[in-house]
PDB file of N, CA and C in Angstrom:
ATOM      1  N   MET A   1     -23.339  33.497  16.212  1.00  0.00           N
ATOM      2  CA  MET A   1     -23.146  32.582  15.106  1.00  0.00           C
ATOM      3  C   MET A   1     -24.511  32.235  14.518  1.00  0.00           C
ATOM      4  N   PRO A   2     -24.705  32.518  13.252  1.00  0.00           N
ATOM      5  CA  PRO A   2     -26.009  32.251  12.647  1.00  0.00           C
ATOM      6  C   PRO A   2     -26.249  30.747  12.496  1.00  0.00           C
ATOM      7  N   THR A   3     -27.483  30.372  12.648  1.00  0.00           N
ATOM      8  CA  THR A   3     -27.844  28.974  12.462  1.00  0.00           C
ATOM      9  C   THR A   3     -28.320  28.757  11.039  1.00  0.00           C
ATOM     10  N   SER A   4     -28.084  27.542  10.557  1.00  0.00           N
ATOM     11  CA  SER A   4     -28.563  27.218   9.216  1.00  0.00           C
ATOM     12  C   SER A   4     -29.447  25.986   9.309  1.00  0.00           C
ATOM     13  N   ILE A   5     -30.429  25.954   8.481  1.00  0.00           N
ATOM     14  CA  ILE A   5     -31.386  24.852   8.474  1.00  0.00           C
ATOM     15  C   ILE A   5     -30.970  23.854   7.399  1.00  0.00           C
ATOM     16  N   ILE A   6     -30.875  22.599   7.808  1.00  0.00           N
ATOM     17  CA  ILE A   6     -30.520  21.531   6.878  1.00  0.00           C
ATOM     18  C   ILE A   6     -31.811  20.860   6.413  1.00  0.00           C
ATOM     19  N   THR A   7     -31.960  20.820   5.122  1.00  0.00           N
ATOM     20  CA  THR A   7     -33.170  20.228   4.551  1.00  0.00           C
ATOM     21  C   THR A   7     -32.899  18.783   4.135  1.00  0.00           C
ATOM     22  N   THR A   8     -33.952  18.076   3.818  1.00  0.00           N
ATOM     23  CA  THR A   8     -33.787  16.703   3.341  1.00  0.00           C
ATOM     24  C   THR A   8     -33.043  16.674   2.008  1.00  0.00           C
ATOM     25  N   ASP A   9     -33.208  17.704   1.202  1.00  0.00           N
ATOM     26  CA  ASP A   9     -32.455  17.782  -0.058  1.00  0.00           C
ATOM     27  C   ASP A   9     -30.956  17.913   0.209  1.00  0.00           C
ATOM     28  N   ASP A  10     -30.597  18.692   1.237  1.00  0.00           N
ATOM     29  CA  ASP A  10     -29.184  18.824   1.613  1.00  0.00           C
ATOM     30  C   ASP A  10     -28.616  17.471   2.038  1.00  0.00           C
ATOM     31  N   LEU A  11     -29.384  16.755   2.837  1.00  0.00           N
ATOM     32  CA  LEU A  11     -28.939  15.435   3.297  1.00  0.00           C
ATOM     33  C   LEU A  11     -28.808  14.456   2.130  1.00  0.00           C
ATOM     34  N   ARG A  12     -29.740  14.508   1.213  1.00  0.00           N
ATOM     35  CA  ARG A  12     -29.704  13.640   0.036  1.00  0.00           C
ATOM     36  C   ARG A  12     -28.461  13.943  -0.813  1.00  0.00           C
ATOM     37  N   GLU A  13     -28.170  15.213  -0.992  1.00  0.00           N
ATOM     38  CA  GLU A  13     -26.992  15.627  -1.766  1.00  0.00           C
ATOM     39  C   GLU A  13     -25.704  15.172  -1.063  1.00  0.00           C
ATOM     40  N   PHE A  14     -25.662  15.324   0.256  1.00  0.00           N
ATOM     41  CA  PHE A  14     -24.505  14.868   1.030  1.00  0.00           C
ATOM     42  C   PHE A  14     -24.312  13.359   0.889  1.00  0.00           C
ATOM     43  N   LYS A  15     -25.403  12.624   0.950  1.00  0.00           N
ATOM     44  CA  LYS A  15     -25.345  11.170   0.810  1.00  0.00           C
ATOM     45  C   LYS A  15     -24.774  10.776  -0.555  1.00  0.00           C
ATOM     46  N   MET A  16     -25.209  11.439  -1.595  1.00  0.00           N
ATOM     47  CA  MET A  16     -24.732  11.116  -2.942  1.00  0.00           C
ATOM     48  C   MET A  16     -23.235  11.425  -3.087  1.00  0.00           C
ATOM     49  N   GLU A  17     -22.798  12.548  -2.535  1.00  0.00           N
ATOM     50  CA  GLU A  17     -21.375  12.892  -2.577  1.00  0.00           C
ATOM     51  C   GLU A  17     -20.552  11.870  -1.801  1.00  0.00           C
ATOM     52  N   LEU A  18     -21.051  11.458  -0.656  1.00  0.00           N
ATOM     53  CA  LEU A  18     -20.351  10.478   0.164  1.00  0.00           C
ATOM     54  C   LEU A  18     -20.256   9.127  -0.546  1.00  0.00           C
ATOM     55  N   LEU A  19     -21.346   8.707  -1.169  1.00  0.00           N
ATOM     56  CA  LEU A  19     -21.332   7.449  -1.918  1.00  0.00           C
ATOM     57  C   LEU A  19     -20.352   7.502  -3.084  1.00  0.00           C
ATOM     58  N   ASP A  20     -20.289   8.637  -3.769  1.00  0.00           N
ATOM     59  CA  ASP A  20     -19.331   8.793  -4.869  1.00  0.00           C
ATOM     60  C   ASP A  20     -17.901   8.688  -4.359  1.00  0.00           C
ATOM     61  N   ASP A  21     -17.611   9.310  -3.222  1.00  0.00           N
ATOM     62  CA  ASP A  21     -16.267   9.234  -2.650  1.00  0.00           C
ATOM     63  C   ASP A  21     -15.902   7.803  -2.274  1.00  0.00           C
ATOM     64  N   ILE A  22     -16.842   7.083  -1.683  1.00  0.00           N
ATOM     65  CA  ILE A  22     -16.592   5.690  -1.297  1.00  0.00           C
ATOM     66  C   ILE A  22     -16.361   4.826  -2.530  1.00  0.00           C
ATOM     67  N   LYS A  23     -17.158   5.034  -3.571  1.00  0.00           N
ATOM     68  CA  LYS A  23     -16.980   4.279  -4.817  1.00  0.00           C
ATOM     69  C   LYS A  23     -15.605   4.535  -5.419  1.00  0.00           C
ATOM     70  N   ASN A  24     -15.161   5.782  -5.409  1.00  0.00           N
ATOM     71  CA  ASN A  24     -13.842   6.119  -5.942  1.00  0.00           C
ATOM     72  C   ASN A  24     -12.729   5.443  -5.149  1.00  0.00           C
ATOM     73  N   LEU A  25     -12.848   5.432  -3.825  1.00  0.00           N
ATOM     74  CA  LEU A  25     -11.850   4.767  -2.993  1.00  0.00           C
ATOM     75  C   LEU A  25     -11.799   3.263  -3.262  1.00  0.00           C
ATOM     76  N   LEU A  26     -12.966   2.645  -3.375  1.00  0.00           N
ATOM     77  CA  LEU A  26     -13.019   1.211  -3.652  1.00  0.00           C
ATOM     78  C   LEU A  26     -12.453   0.890  -5.032  1.00  0.00           C
ATOM     79  N   ALA A  27     -12.698   1.741  -5.997  1.00  0.00           N
ATOM     80  CA  ALA A  27     -12.165   1.528  -7.346  1.00  0.00           C
ATOM     81  C   ALA A  27     -10.650   1.617  -7.338  1.00  0.00           C
ATOM     82  N   LYS A  28     -10.096   2.583  -6.615  1.00  0.00           N
ATOM     83  CA  LYS A  28      -8.639   2.703  -6.510  1.00  0.00           C
ATOM     84  C   LYS A  28      -8.040   1.482  -5.832  1.00  0.00           C
ATOM     85  N   GLN A  29      -8.686   1.018  -4.770  1.00  0.00           N
ATOM     86  CA  GLN A  29      -8.169  -0.128  -4.031  1.00  0.00           C
ATOM     87  C   GLN A  29      -8.194  -1.386  -4.884  1.00  0.00           C
ATOM     88  N   SER A  30      -9.272  -1.612  -5.619  1.00  0.00           N
ATOM     89  CA  SER A  30      -9.391  -2.833  -6.416  1.00  0.00           C
ATOM     90  C   SER A  30      -8.460  -2.809  -7.621  1.00  0.00           C
ATOM     91  N   SER A  31      -8.116  -1.626  -8.107  1.00  0.00           N
ATOM     92  CA  SER A  31      -7.214  -1.555  -9.249  1.00  0.00           C
ATOM     93  C   SER A  31      -5.756  -1.515  -8.800  1.00  0.00           C
ATOM     94  N   GLY A  32      -5.516  -1.525  -7.499  1.00  0.00           N
ATOM     95  CA  GLY A  32      -4.152  -1.547  -6.990  1.00  0.00           C
ATOM     96  C   GLY A  32      -3.433  -0.213  -7.103  1.00  0.00           C
ATOM     97  N   LYS A  33      -4.161   0.871  -7.207  1.00  0.00           N
ATOM     98  CA  LYS A  33      -3.537   2.172  -7.380  1.00  0.00           C
ATOM     99  C   LYS A  33      -3.427   2.948  -6.069  1.00  0.00           C
ATOM    100  N   ILE A  34      -3.536   2.256  -4.953  1.00  0.00           N
ATOM    101  CA  ILE A  34      -3.474   2.959  -3.683  1.00  0.00           C
ATOM    102  C   ILE A  34      -2.057   3.481  -3.438  1.00  0.00           C
ATOM    103  N   LYS A  35      -1.070   2.608  -3.470  1.00  0.00           N
ATOM    104  CA  LYS A  35       0.303   3.015  -3.233  1.00  0.00           C
ATOM    105  C   LYS A  35       1.238   2.229  -4.130  1.00  0.00           C
ATOM    106  N   LYS A  36       2.151   2.938  -4.785  1.00  0.00           N
ATOM    107  CA  LYS A  36       3.146   2.275  -5.616  1.00  0.00           C
ATOM    108  C   LYS A  36       4.444   2.079  -4.841  1.00  0.00           C
ATOM    109  N   TYR A  37       4.752   3.003  -3.950  1.00  0.00           N
ATOM    110  CA  TYR A  37       5.992   2.931  -3.182  1.00  0.00           C
ATOM    111  C   TYR A  37       5.686   2.880  -1.691  1.00  0.00           C
ATOM    112  N   LEU A  38       6.479   2.079  -0.973  1.00  0.00           N
ATOM    113  CA  LEU A  38       6.324   1.957   0.467  1.00  0.00           C
ATOM    114  C   LEU A  38       7.591   2.421   1.163  1.00  0.00           C
ATOM    115  N   LYS A  39       7.434   2.978   2.359  1.00  0.00           N
ATOM    116  CA  LYS A  39       8.586   3.341   3.181  1.00  0.00           C
ATOM    117  C   LYS A  39       9.057   2.106   3.932  1.00  0.00           C
ATOM    118  N   SER A  40      10.246   2.208   4.527  1.00  0.00           N
ATOM    119  CA  SER A  40      10.852   1.068   5.228  1.00  0.00           C
ATOM    120  C   SER A  40       9.936   0.472   6.289  1.00  0.00           C
ATOM    121  N   SER A  41       9.307   1.328   7.093  1.00  0.00           N
ATOM    122  CA  SER A  41       8.445   0.812   8.167  1.00  0.00           C
ATOM    123  C   SER A  41       7.267   0.024   7.605  1.00  0.00           C
ATOM    124  N   GLU A  42       6.749   0.461   6.458  1.00  0.00           N
ATOM    125  CA  GLU A  42       5.623  -0.244   5.842  1.00  0.00           C
ATOM    126  C   GLU A  42       6.063  -1.599   5.288  1.00  0.00           C
ATOM    127  N   VAL A  43       7.276  -1.656   4.743  1.00  0.00           N
ATOM    128  CA  VAL A  43       7.803  -2.922   4.222  1.00  0.00           C
ATOM    129  C   VAL A  43       8.058  -3.897   5.376  1.00  0.00           C
ATOM    130  N   MET A  44       8.599  -3.383   6.480  1.00  0.00           N
ATOM    131  CA  MET A  44       8.836  -4.246   7.647  1.00  0.00           C
ATOM    132  C   MET A  44       7.525  -4.830   8.170  1.00  0.00           C
ATOM    133  N   ASP A  45       6.481  -4.018   8.202  1.00  0.00           N
ATOM    134  CA  ASP A  45       5.167  -4.510   8.640  1.00  0.00           C
ATOM    135  C   ASP A  45       4.617  -5.531   7.649  1.00  0.00           C
ATOM    136  N   LEU A  46       4.755  -5.233   6.369  1.00  0.00           N
ATOM    137  CA  LEU A  46       4.226  -6.111   5.332  1.00  0.00           C
ATOM    138  C   LEU A  46       4.893  -7.478   5.351  1.00  0.00           C
ATOM    139  N   LEU A  47       6.226  -7.497   5.443  1.00  0.00           N
ATOM    140  CA  LEU A  47       6.984  -8.746   5.385  1.00  0.00           C
ATOM    141  C   LEU A  47       7.257  -9.353   6.760  1.00  0.00           C
ATOM    142  N   GLN A  48       6.875  -8.634   7.805  1.00  0.00           N
ATOM    143  CA  GLN A  48       7.110  -9.095   9.184  1.00  0.00           C
ATOM    144  C   GLN A  48       8.598  -9.375   9.418  1.00  0.00           C
ATOM    145  N   ILE A  49       9.436  -8.372   9.096  1.00  0.00           N
ATOM    146  CA  ILE A  49      10.884  -8.498   9.276  1.00  0.00           C
ATOM    147  C   ILE A  49      11.389  -7.336  10.128  1.00  0.00           C
ATOM    148  N   SER A  50      12.599  -7.506  10.656  1.00  0.00           N
ATOM    149  CA  SER A  50      13.210  -6.485  11.506  1.00  0.00           C
ATOM    150  C   SER A  50      13.934  -5.446  10.657  1.00  0.00           C
ATOM    151  N   PRO A  51      14.287  -4.312  11.261  1.00  0.00           N
ATOM    152  CA  PRO A  51      15.049  -3.305  10.520  1.00  0.00           C
ATOM    153  C   PRO A  51      16.383  -3.855  10.006  1.00  0.00           C
ATOM    154  N   GLY A  52      17.042  -4.704  10.796  1.00  0.00           N
ATOM    155  CA  GLY A  52      18.316  -5.292  10.378  1.00  0.00           C
ATOM    156  C   GLY A  52      18.167  -6.205   9.174  1.00  0.00           C
ATOM    157  N   THR A  53      17.101  -6.983   9.163  1.00  0.00           N
ATOM    158  CA  THR A  53      16.846  -7.875   8.017  1.00  0.00           C
ATOM    159  C   THR A  53      16.578  -7.058   6.766  1.00  0.00           C
ATOM    160  N   LEU A  54      15.806  -6.000   6.894  1.00  0.00           N
ATOM    161  CA  LEU A  54      15.523  -5.140   5.749  1.00  0.00           C
ATOM    162  C   LEU A  54      16.813  -4.506   5.230  1.00  0.00           C
ATOM    163  N   GLN A  55      17.658  -4.066   6.148  1.00  0.00           N
ATOM    164  CA  GLN A  55      18.941  -3.491   5.751  1.00  0.00           C
ATOM    165  C   GLN A  55      19.798  -4.523   5.026  1.00  0.00           C
ATOM    166  N   ASN A  56      19.821  -5.757   5.512  1.00  0.00           N
ATOM    167  CA  ASN A  56      20.583  -6.823   4.840  1.00  0.00           C
ATOM    168  C   ASN A  56      20.051  -7.086   3.436  1.00  0.00           C
ATOM    169  N   LEU A  57      18.725  -7.063   3.277  1.00  0.00           N
ATOM    170  CA  LEU A  57      18.135  -7.260   1.944  1.00  0.00           C
ATOM    171  C   LEU A  57      18.533  -6.141   0.983  1.00  0.00           C
ATOM    172  N   ARG A  58      18.684  -4.932   1.509  1.00  0.00           N
ATOM    173  CA  ARG A  58      19.147  -3.812   0.676  1.00  0.00           C
ATOM    174  C   ARG A  58      20.620  -3.974   0.332  1.00  0.00           C
ATOM    175  N   ILE A  59      21.439  -4.272   1.343  1.00  0.00           N
ATOM    176  CA  ILE A  59      22.892  -4.348   1.159  1.00  0.00           C
ATOM    177  C   ILE A  59      23.278  -5.445   0.177  1.00  0.00           C
ATOM    178  N   ASN A  60      22.657  -6.618   0.300  1.00  0.00           N
ATOM    179  CA  ASN A  60      23.049  -7.720  -0.587  1.00  0.00           C
ATOM    180  C   ASN A  60      22.342  -7.685  -1.941  1.00  0.00           C
ATOM    181  N   GLY A  61      21.536  -6.651  -2.169  1.00  0.00           N
ATOM    182  CA  GLY A  61      20.921  -6.460  -3.475  1.00  0.00           C
ATOM    183  C   GLY A  61      19.668  -7.274  -3.718  1.00  0.00           C
ATOM    184  N   THR A  62      19.155  -7.928  -2.695  1.00  0.00           N
ATOM    185  CA  THR A  62      17.947  -8.733  -2.851  1.00  0.00           C
ATOM    186  C   THR A  62      16.728  -7.864  -3.110  1.00  0.00           C
ATOM    187  N   LEU A  63      16.653  -6.754  -2.391  1.00  0.00           N
ATOM    188  CA  LEU A  63      15.485  -5.883  -2.487  1.00  0.00           C
ATOM    189  C   LEU A  63      15.901  -4.507  -3.011  1.00  0.00           C
ATOM    190  N   PRO A  64      15.517  -4.189  -4.260  1.00  0.00           N
ATOM    191  CA  PRO A  64      15.860  -2.873  -4.823  1.00  0.00           C
ATOM    192  C   PRO A  64      15.132  -1.752  -4.091  1.00  0.00           C
ATOM    193  N   TYR A  65      15.758  -0.580  -4.053  1.00  0.00           N
ATOM    194  CA  TYR A  65      15.162   0.558  -3.369  1.00  0.00           C
ATOM    195  C   TYR A  65      15.570   1.856  -4.048  1.00  0.00           C
ATOM    196  N   THR A  66      14.880   2.919  -3.676  1.00  0.00           N
ATOM    197  CA  THR A  66      15.181   4.260  -4.152  1.00  0.00           C
ATOM    198  C   THR A  66      15.302   5.163  -2.934  1.00  0.00           C
ATOM    199  N   LYS A  67      16.334   5.984  -2.925  1.00  0.00           N
ATOM    200  CA  LYS A  67      16.525   6.901  -1.801  1.00  0.00           C
ATOM    201  C   LYS A  67      16.315   8.323  -2.298  1.00  0.00           C
ATOM    202  N   VAL A  68      15.383   9.018  -1.671  1.00  0.00           N
ATOM    203  CA  VAL A  68      15.077  10.395  -2.033  1.00  0.00           C
ATOM    204  C   VAL A  68      15.091  11.231  -0.756  1.00  0.00           C
ATOM    205  N   GLY A  69      16.010  12.170  -0.699  1.00  0.00           N
ATOM    206  CA  GLY A  69      16.071  13.060   0.465  1.00  0.00           C
ATOM    207  C   GLY A  69      16.221  12.344   1.785  1.00  0.00           C
ATOM    208  N   GLY A  70      16.953  11.268   1.814  1.00  0.00           N
ATOM    209  CA  GLY A  70      17.184  10.533   3.052  1.00  0.00           C
ATOM    210  C   GLY A  70      16.103   9.522   3.395  1.00  0.00           C
ATOM    211  N   ILE A  71      15.057   9.456   2.609  1.00  0.00           N
ATOM    212  CA  ILE A  71      13.979   8.487   2.847  1.00  0.00           C
ATOM    213  C   ILE A  71      14.095   7.382   1.808  1.00  0.00           C
ATOM    214  N   ILE A  72      14.032   6.138   2.273  1.00  0.00           N
ATOM    215  CA  ILE A  72      14.154   4.986   1.387  1.00  0.00           C
ATOM    216  C   ILE A  72      12.760   4.494   1.018  1.00  0.00           C
ATOM    217  N   TYR A  73      12.550   4.310  -0.285  1.00  0.00           N
ATOM    218  CA  TYR A  73      11.276   3.823  -0.811  1.00  0.00           C
ATOM    219  C   TYR A  73      11.483   2.506  -1.545  1.00  0.00           C
ATOM    220  N   TYR A  74      10.485   1.646  -1.466  1.00  0.00           N
ATOM    221  CA  TYR A  74      10.510   0.349  -2.137  1.00  0.00           C
ATOM    222  C   TYR A  74       9.297   0.257  -3.054  1.00  0.00           C
ATOM    223  N   ASP A  75       9.524  -0.204  -4.276  1.00  0.00           N
ATOM    224  CA  ASP A  75       8.452  -0.379  -5.246  1.00  0.00           C
ATOM    225  C   ASP A  75       7.670  -1.646  -4.879  1.00  0.00           C
ATOM    226  N   VAL A  76       6.361  -1.529  -4.739  1.00  0.00           N
ATOM    227  CA  VAL A  76       5.523  -2.657  -4.348  1.00  0.00           C
ATOM    228  C   VAL A  76       5.649  -3.807  -5.358  1.00  0.00           C
ATOM    229  N   GLU A  77       5.729  -3.476  -6.646  1.00  0.00           N
ATOM    230  CA  GLU A  77       5.860  -4.507  -7.676  1.00  0.00           C
ATOM    231  C   GLU A  77       7.186  -5.250  -7.552  1.00  0.00           C
ATOM    232  N   GLU A  78       8.258  -4.535  -7.190  1.00  0.00           N
ATOM    233  CA  GLU A  78       9.562  -5.165  -7.001  1.00  0.00           C
ATOM    234  C   GLU A  78       9.535  -6.116  -5.798  1.00  0.00           C
ATOM    235  N   ILE A  79       8.857  -5.719  -4.740  1.00  0.00           N
ATOM    236  CA  ILE A  79       8.731  -6.597  -3.564  1.00  0.00           C
ATOM    237  C   ILE A  79       8.008  -7.872  -3.961  1.00  0.00           C
ATOM    238  N   GLN A  80       6.919  -7.726  -4.712  1.00  0.00           N
ATOM    239  CA  GLN A  80       6.152  -8.884  -5.179  1.00  0.00           C
ATOM    240  C   GLN A  80       7.026  -9.783  -6.045  1.00  0.00           C
ATOM    241  N   LYS A  81       7.818  -9.185  -6.925  1.00  0.00           N
ATOM    242  CA  LYS A  81       8.702  -9.938  -7.816  1.00  0.00           C
ATOM    243  C   LYS A  81       9.743 -10.724  -7.018  1.00  0.00           C
ATOM    244  N   VAL A  82      10.344 -10.090  -6.021  1.00  0.00           N
ATOM    245  CA  VAL A  82      11.337 -10.775  -5.174  1.00  0.00           C
ATOM    246  C   VAL A  82      10.691 -11.942  -4.444  1.00  0.00           C
ATOM    247  N   MET A  83       9.488 -11.738  -3.942  1.00  0.00           N
ATOM    248  CA  MET A  83       8.785 -12.811  -3.229  1.00  0.00           C
ATOM    249  C   MET A  83       8.515 -13.989  -4.163  1.00  0.00           C
ATOM    250  N   GLU A  84       8.100 -13.710  -5.390  1.00  0.00           N
ATOM    251  CA  GLU A  84       7.810 -14.786  -6.342  1.00  0.00           C
ATOM    252  C   GLU A  84       9.084 -15.512  -6.777  1.00  0.00           C
ATOM    253  N   GLU A  85      10.171 -14.760  -6.990  1.00  0.00           N
ATOM    254  CA  GLU A  85      11.439 -15.366  -7.413  1.00  0.00           C
ATOM    255  C   GLU A  85      12.040 -16.262  -6.341  1.00  0.00           C
ATOM    256  N   ASN A  86      11.747 -15.969  -5.073  1.00  0.00           N
ATOM    257  CA  ASN A  86      12.311 -16.751  -3.979  1.00  0.00           C
ATOM    258  C   ASN A  86      11.332 -17.756  -3.397  1.00  0.00           C
ATOM    259  N   ARG A  87      10.285 -18.020  -4.125  1.00  0.00           N
ATOM    260  CA  ARG A  87       9.284 -18.979  -3.666  1.00  0.00           C
ATOM    261  C   ARG A  87       9.881 -20.395  -3.669  1.00  0.00           C
ATOM    262  N   VAL A  88       9.624 -21.118  -2.599  1.00  0.00           N
ATOM    263  CA  VAL A  88      10.111 -22.479  -2.462  1.00  0.00           C
ATOM    264  C   VAL A  88       8.918 -23.427  -2.549  1.00  0.00           C
ATOM    265  N   GLN A  89       9.033 -24.389  -3.486  1.00  0.00           N
ATOM    266  CA  GLN A  89       7.980 -25.387  -3.619  1.00  0.00           C
ATOM    267  C   GLN A  89       8.584 -26.741  -3.326  1.00  0.00           C
ATOM    268  N   HIS A  90       7.935 -27.486  -2.458  1.00  0.00           N
ATOM    269  CA  HIS A  90       8.406 -28.819  -2.105  1.00  0.00           C
ATOM    270  C   HIS A  90       7.610 -29.846  -2.906  1.00  0.00           C
ATOM    271  N   ASP A  91       8.326 -30.829  -3.409  1.00  0.00           N
ATOM    272  CA  ASP A  91       7.679 -31.916  -4.147  1.00  0.00           C
ATOM    273  C   ASP A  91       7.293 -32.988  -3.145  1.00  0.00           C
ATOM    274  N   LEU A  92       6.029 -33.117  -2.858  1.00  0.00           N
ATOM    275  CA  LEU A  92       5.545 -34.065  -1.860  1.00  0.00           C
ATOM    276  C   LEU A  92       5.133 -35.402  -2.462  1.00  0.00           C
ATOM    277  N   SER A  93       5.351 -35.584  -3.748  1.00  0.00           N
ATOM    278  CA  SER A  93       4.903 -36.811  -4.409  1.00  0.00           C
ATOM    279  C   SER A  93       5.905 -37.963  -4.278  1.00  0.00           C
ATOM    280  N   SER A  94       7.084 -37.735  -3.688  1.00  0.00           N
ATOM    281  CA  SER A  94       8.079 -38.815  -3.609  1.00  0.00           C
ATOM    282  C   SER A  94       7.922 -39.727  -2.443  1.00  0.00           C
TER     283      SER A  94
END
């Protein structure tokens, strides 16, 4: 197996490529473009609910979903909307 010599220019070029990749990842994360749809297990982790509770939310129409090839997907924006619509605020001024 032939050996190759890595120069400081090679390392500098690698560093610049790596920094560009990190910047792109951070830009995607800050703009919210990481994931639009979540699978059931991800929704359960996000909302800290059981599989049965998630199924009940689907059955009673609380949480909209899309089924593709046997896999159920949930729109992140729809989850956020459901959470905001069901927000409970208590009036503590009385």
